Amino acid sequence: MIKPMPKLTRLNSKVATINTDKAATFSVNRITGRELGRIRKRIAVRDMCVCQRCHQPTSEFEIDHRIPLFMGGSDSDENRQLLCIACHKLKSLEDLKLQQGVQ
């Protein structure tokens, strides 16, 4: 009989379940790695490293969905924009308020 490994036992207790509510589905298929790097580079070049909200040049930025995925926005470059860190935090809070209002 094989004994369970202690690390796996601890990991199983920490694994979260995926929320399948409509508003939560946007976080299930996150883009990561090289694909995310290519998207960030494409959007940075297109937006010329300028925040699309405050219009200030920035070297530290986030790629944001203009129309949030939970509201039916697409995961395409046309729905992506470059935002500085501060503007992204503000927009994320606004999106969260919208999401809570939808539920």
N, C-alpha and C. Protein backbone atom coordinates (compact mmCIF):
# COMPACT_ATOMS: atom_id res chain seq x y z
N MET A 1 0.84 -1.19 0.00
CA MET A 1 0.00 0.00 0.00
C MET A 1 0.88 1.25 0.00
N ILE A 2 0.53 2.19 -0.84
CA ILE A 2 1.30 3.42 -0.96
C ILE A 2 0.72 4.46 -0.02
N LYS A 3 1.60 5.04 0.81
CA LYS A 3 1.17 6.10 1.72
C LYS A 3 1.15 7.43 0.98
N PRO A 4 0.14 8.29 1.25
CA PRO A 4 0.14 9.61 0.61
C PRO A 4 1.33 10.43 1.10
N MET A 5 1.87 11.18 0.18
CA MET A 5 3.01 12.03 0.54
C MET A 5 2.52 13.23 1.35
N PRO A 6 3.23 13.60 2.40
CA PRO A 6 2.78 14.71 3.26
C PRO A 6 2.57 16.01 2.51
N LYS A 7 3.44 16.33 1.57
CA LYS A 7 3.29 17.58 0.83
C LYS A 7 2.02 17.59 0.00
N LEU A 8 1.69 16.46 -0.61
CA LEU A 8 0.47 16.40 -1.41
C LEU A 8 -0.76 16.54 -0.54
N THR A 9 -0.74 15.97 0.64
CA THR A 9 -1.86 16.10 1.56
C THR A 9 -2.06 17.57 1.93
N ARG A 10 -0.96 18.26 2.23
CA ARG A 10 -1.07 19.68 2.57
C ARG A 10 -1.56 20.50 1.38
N LEU A 11 -1.10 20.17 0.19
CA LEU A 11 -1.50 20.90 -1.00
C LEU A 11 -2.99 20.74 -1.27
N ASN A 12 -3.49 19.52 -1.15
CA ASN A 12 -4.92 19.28 -1.40
C ASN A 12 -5.80 20.14 -0.51
N SER A 13 -5.40 20.37 0.72
CA SER A 13 -6.23 21.18 1.61
C SER A 13 -6.19 22.66 1.25
N LYS A 14 -5.20 23.08 0.47
CA LYS A 14 -5.06 24.49 0.11
C LYS A 14 -5.62 24.81 -1.28
N VAL A 15 -5.97 23.80 -2.05
CA VAL A 15 -6.47 24.02 -3.40
C VAL A 15 -7.90 24.56 -3.32
N ALA A 16 -8.12 25.69 -3.93
CA ALA A 16 -9.45 26.31 -3.92
C ALA A 16 -10.30 25.71 -5.03
N THR A 17 -11.58 25.70 -4.81
CA THR A 17 -12.48 25.27 -5.87
C THR A 17 -12.74 26.43 -6.81
N ILE A 18 -13.02 26.14 -8.05
CA ILE A 18 -13.28 27.18 -9.04
C ILE A 18 -14.74 27.58 -8.97
N ASN A 19 -14.98 28.87 -8.84
CA ASN A 19 -16.33 29.39 -8.82
C ASN A 19 -16.84 29.46 -10.25
N THR A 20 -17.94 28.80 -10.53
CA THR A 20 -18.46 28.76 -11.89
C THR A 20 -19.64 29.71 -12.11
N ASP A 21 -19.85 30.65 -11.18
CA ASP A 21 -20.88 31.66 -11.40
C ASP A 21 -20.55 32.46 -12.65
N LYS A 22 -21.56 33.01 -13.30
CA LYS A 22 -21.34 33.77 -14.54
C LYS A 22 -20.30 34.86 -14.36
N ALA A 23 -20.37 35.61 -13.28
CA ALA A 23 -19.46 36.73 -13.06
C ALA A 23 -18.04 36.28 -12.75
N ALA A 24 -17.86 35.05 -12.33
CA ALA A 24 -16.54 34.58 -11.96
C ALA A 24 -15.81 33.89 -13.10
N THR A 25 -16.47 33.62 -14.20
CA THR A 25 -15.86 32.83 -15.27
C THR A 25 -14.71 33.54 -15.95
N PHE A 26 -14.62 34.86 -15.83
CA PHE A 26 -13.55 35.58 -16.51
C PHE A 26 -12.18 35.23 -15.97
N SER A 27 -12.06 34.73 -14.76
CA SER A 27 -10.75 34.43 -14.20
C SER A 27 -10.32 32.99 -14.39
N VAL A 28 -11.14 32.16 -14.98
CA VAL A 28 -10.83 30.74 -15.10
C VAL A 28 -9.72 30.50 -16.11
N ASN A 29 -9.75 31.13 -17.25
CA ASN A 29 -8.77 30.88 -18.31
C ASN A 29 -7.80 32.04 -18.48
N ARG A 30 -7.06 32.34 -17.44
CA ARG A 30 -6.09 33.43 -17.50
C ARG A 30 -5.00 33.13 -18.50
N ILE A 31 -4.55 34.16 -19.22
CA ILE A 31 -3.44 34.03 -20.16
C ILE A 31 -2.16 34.26 -19.36
N THR A 32 -1.19 33.38 -19.54
CA THR A 32 0.06 33.49 -18.79
C THR A 32 1.25 33.25 -19.72
N GLY A 33 2.42 33.41 -19.17
CA GLY A 33 3.66 33.06 -19.86
C GLY A 33 3.95 33.87 -21.10
N ARG A 34 4.48 33.18 -22.10
CA ARG A 34 4.91 33.85 -23.33
C ARG A 34 3.76 34.53 -24.05
N GLU A 35 2.61 33.89 -24.04
CA GLU A 35 1.45 34.49 -24.71
C GLU A 35 1.11 35.84 -24.08
N LEU A 36 1.11 35.88 -22.75
CA LEU A 36 0.84 37.14 -22.05
C LEU A 36 1.91 38.18 -22.38
N GLY A 37 3.16 37.76 -22.44
CA GLY A 37 4.25 38.68 -22.79
C GLY A 37 4.07 39.27 -24.19
N ARG A 38 3.66 38.43 -25.14
CA ARG A 38 3.43 38.92 -26.51
C ARG A 38 2.27 39.90 -26.55
N ILE A 39 1.21 39.62 -25.81
CA ILE A 39 0.06 40.53 -25.77
C ILE A 39 0.48 41.86 -25.17
N ARG A 40 1.18 41.82 -24.02
CA ARG A 40 1.63 43.06 -23.37
C ARG A 40 2.48 43.91 -24.32
N LYS A 41 3.38 43.25 -25.05
CA LYS A 41 4.25 43.98 -25.98
C LYS A 41 3.44 44.61 -27.11
N ARG A 42 2.50 43.83 -27.68
CA ARG A 42 1.66 44.36 -28.78
C ARG A 42 0.87 45.58 -28.33
N ILE A 43 0.24 45.49 -27.16
CA ILE A 43 -0.60 46.59 -26.68
C ILE A 43 0.27 47.79 -26.31
N ALA A 44 1.45 47.55 -25.72
CA ALA A 44 2.36 48.65 -25.36
C ALA A 44 2.81 49.40 -26.61
N VAL A 45 3.12 48.67 -27.67
CA VAL A 45 3.54 49.31 -28.93
C VAL A 45 2.36 50.08 -29.52
N ARG A 46 1.19 49.44 -29.57
CA ARG A 46 0.01 50.10 -30.15
C ARG A 46 -0.34 51.38 -29.38
N ASP A 47 -0.32 51.30 -28.03
CA ASP A 47 -0.70 52.45 -27.21
C ASP A 47 0.48 53.36 -26.89
N MET A 48 1.64 53.06 -27.44
CA MET A 48 2.87 53.85 -27.29
C MET A 48 3.24 54.10 -25.83
N CYS A 49 3.00 53.11 -24.98
CA CYS A 49 3.32 53.17 -23.55
C CYS A 49 2.71 54.40 -22.87
N VAL A 50 1.52 54.78 -23.32
CA VAL A 50 0.78 55.90 -22.74
C VAL A 50 -0.50 55.33 -22.13
N CYS A 51 -0.75 55.69 -20.87
CA CYS A 51 -1.97 55.24 -20.20
C CYS A 51 -3.17 55.78 -20.96
N GLN A 52 -4.11 54.91 -21.27
CA GLN A 52 -5.28 55.29 -22.05
C GLN A 52 -6.34 56.00 -21.22
N ARG A 53 -6.09 56.14 -19.92
CA ARG A 53 -7.04 56.82 -19.05
C ARG A 53 -6.54 58.22 -18.66
N CYS A 54 -5.31 58.30 -18.14
CA CYS A 54 -4.77 59.61 -17.71
C CYS A 54 -3.85 60.23 -18.77
N HIS A 55 -3.54 59.48 -19.83
CA HIS A 55 -2.74 59.94 -20.97
C HIS A 55 -1.31 60.32 -20.61
N GLN A 56 -0.78 59.71 -19.54
CA GLN A 56 0.61 59.94 -19.13
C GLN A 56 1.47 58.77 -19.61
N PRO A 57 2.68 59.06 -20.09
CA PRO A 57 3.60 57.97 -20.47
C PRO A 57 3.95 57.15 -19.22
N THR A 58 4.11 55.85 -19.40
CA THR A 58 4.43 54.99 -18.26
C THR A 58 5.26 53.80 -18.71
N SER A 59 6.17 53.37 -17.86
CA SER A 59 6.94 52.16 -18.14
C SER A 59 6.42 50.98 -17.32
N GLU A 60 5.63 51.27 -16.29
CA GLU A 60 5.00 50.23 -15.48
C GLU A 60 3.51 50.29 -15.73
N PHE A 61 2.96 49.20 -16.24
CA PHE A 61 1.56 49.25 -16.69
C PHE A 61 0.89 47.89 -16.54
N GLU A 62 -0.41 47.90 -16.70
CA GLU A 62 -1.23 46.70 -16.75
C GLU A 62 -2.02 46.74 -18.04
N ILE A 63 -2.32 45.57 -18.56
CA ILE A 63 -3.20 45.48 -19.72
C ILE A 63 -4.60 45.20 -19.19
N ASP A 64 -5.53 46.02 -19.59
CA ASP A 64 -6.89 45.99 -19.04
C ASP A 64 -7.90 45.74 -20.16
N HIS A 65 -9.01 45.12 -19.81
CA HIS A 65 -10.12 44.97 -20.76
C HIS A 65 -11.02 46.20 -20.65
N ARG A 66 -11.21 46.90 -21.76
CA ARG A 66 -12.08 48.08 -21.76
C ARG A 66 -13.47 47.69 -21.26
N ILE A 67 -14.06 46.70 -21.90
CA ILE A 67 -15.33 46.13 -21.44
C ILE A 67 -14.96 44.85 -20.69
N PRO A 68 -15.23 44.80 -19.39
CA PRO A 68 -14.83 43.62 -18.61
C PRO A 68 -15.40 42.33 -19.20
N LEU A 69 -14.65 41.27 -19.03
CA LEU A 69 -15.07 39.97 -19.55
C LEU A 69 -16.40 39.54 -18.93
N PHE A 70 -16.62 39.85 -17.65
CA PHE A 70 -17.86 39.44 -17.01
C PHE A 70 -19.07 40.18 -17.57
N MET A 71 -18.84 41.27 -18.29
CA MET A 71 -19.93 42.01 -18.93
C MET A 71 -20.05 41.65 -20.41
N GLY A 72 -19.32 40.63 -20.82
CA GLY A 72 -19.42 40.19 -22.20
C GLY A 72 -18.34 40.73 -23.11
N GLY A 73 -17.36 41.44 -22.55
CA GLY A 73 -16.26 41.95 -23.36
C GLY A 73 -15.43 40.81 -23.94
N SER A 74 -14.83 41.06 -25.08
CA SER A 74 -14.05 40.02 -25.74
C SER A 74 -12.62 40.01 -25.21
N ASP A 75 -11.95 38.90 -25.41
CA ASP A 75 -10.55 38.77 -25.01
C ASP A 75 -9.65 39.01 -26.22
N SER A 76 -9.93 40.11 -26.93
CA SER A 76 -9.18 40.44 -28.15
C SER A 76 -8.43 41.75 -27.93
N ASP A 77 -7.46 42.02 -28.79
CA ASP A 77 -6.68 43.25 -28.67
C ASP A 77 -7.55 44.49 -28.77
N GLU A 78 -8.63 44.43 -29.53
CA GLU A 78 -9.52 45.59 -29.66
C GLU A 78 -10.16 45.96 -28.33
N ASN A 79 -10.28 45.00 -27.42
CA ASN A 79 -10.88 45.26 -26.12
C ASN A 79 -9.83 45.42 -25.02
N ARG A 80 -8.58 45.47 -25.40
CA ARG A 80 -7.49 45.64 -24.42
C ARG A 80 -6.95 47.05 -24.51
N GLN A 81 -6.48 47.54 -23.34
CA GLN A 81 -5.87 48.87 -23.29
C GLN A 81 -4.75 48.87 -22.26
N LEU A 82 -3.80 49.75 -22.45
CA LEU A 82 -2.70 49.92 -21.52
C LEU A 82 -3.12 50.95 -20.48
N LEU A 83 -2.99 50.61 -19.20
CA LEU A 83 -3.28 51.54 -18.11
C LEU A 83 -2.10 51.57 -17.16
N CYS A 84 -1.79 52.76 -16.64
CA CYS A 84 -0.77 52.85 -15.60
C CYS A 84 -1.30 52.12 -14.36
N ILE A 85 -0.44 51.83 -13.42
CA ILE A 85 -0.82 51.05 -12.24
C ILE A 85 -1.94 51.74 -11.47
N ALA A 86 -1.82 53.05 -11.26
CA ALA A 86 -2.83 53.79 -10.48
C ALA A 86 -4.20 53.76 -11.17
N CYS A 87 -4.21 54.00 -12.47
CA CYS A 87 -5.48 53.99 -13.21
C CYS A 87 -6.08 52.58 -13.25
N HIS A 88 -5.22 51.57 -13.36
CA HIS A 88 -5.73 50.20 -13.37
C HIS A 88 -6.40 49.85 -12.04
N LYS A 89 -5.81 50.30 -10.93
CA LYS A 89 -6.42 50.05 -9.62
C LYS A 89 -7.80 50.70 -9.54
N LEU A 90 -7.89 51.94 -10.01
CA LEU A 90 -9.19 52.64 -9.99
C LEU A 90 -10.21 51.93 -10.87
N LYS A 91 -9.80 51.55 -12.07
CA LYS A 91 -10.74 50.88 -12.98
C LYS A 91 -11.16 49.52 -12.43
N SER A 92 -10.24 48.81 -11.81
CA SER A 92 -10.57 47.52 -11.22
C SER A 92 -11.60 47.66 -10.12
N LEU A 93 -11.49 48.73 -9.31
CA LEU A 93 -12.49 48.98 -8.27
C LEU A 93 -13.85 49.30 -8.89
N GLU A 94 -13.84 50.09 -9.95
CA GLU A 94 -15.09 50.40 -10.66
C GLU A 94 -15.72 49.13 -11.23
N ASP A 95 -14.89 48.28 -11.84
CA ASP A 95 -15.38 47.03 -12.40
C ASP A 95 -15.95 46.12 -11.31
N LEU A 96 -15.28 46.10 -10.16
CA LEU A 96 -15.77 45.28 -9.05
C LEU A 96 -17.14 45.75 -8.58
N LYS A 97 -17.31 47.06 -8.50
CA LYS A 97 -18.62 47.61 -8.10
C LYS A 97 -19.69 47.24 -9.12
N LEU A 98 -19.34 47.31 -10.41
CA LEU A 98 -20.27 46.89 -11.46
C LEU A 98 -20.62 45.41 -11.32
N GLN A 99 -19.60 44.62 -11.08
CA GLN A 99 -19.82 43.17 -10.97
C GLN A 99 -20.72 42.86 -9.79
N GLN A 100 -20.51 43.51 -8.68
CA GLN A 100 -21.36 43.27 -7.51
C GLN A 100 -22.79 43.72 -7.76
N GLY A 101 -22.96 44.76 -8.57
CA GLY A 101 -24.29 45.22 -8.92
C GLY A 101 -25.00 44.26 -9.85
N VAL A 102 -24.21 43.53 -10.68
CA VAL A 102 -24.78 42.59 -11.63
C VAL A 102 -25.33 41.37 -10.90
N GLN A 103 -24.64 40.95 -9.84
CA GLN A 103 -25.03 39.72 -9.13
C GLN A 103 -26.25 39.90 -8.29
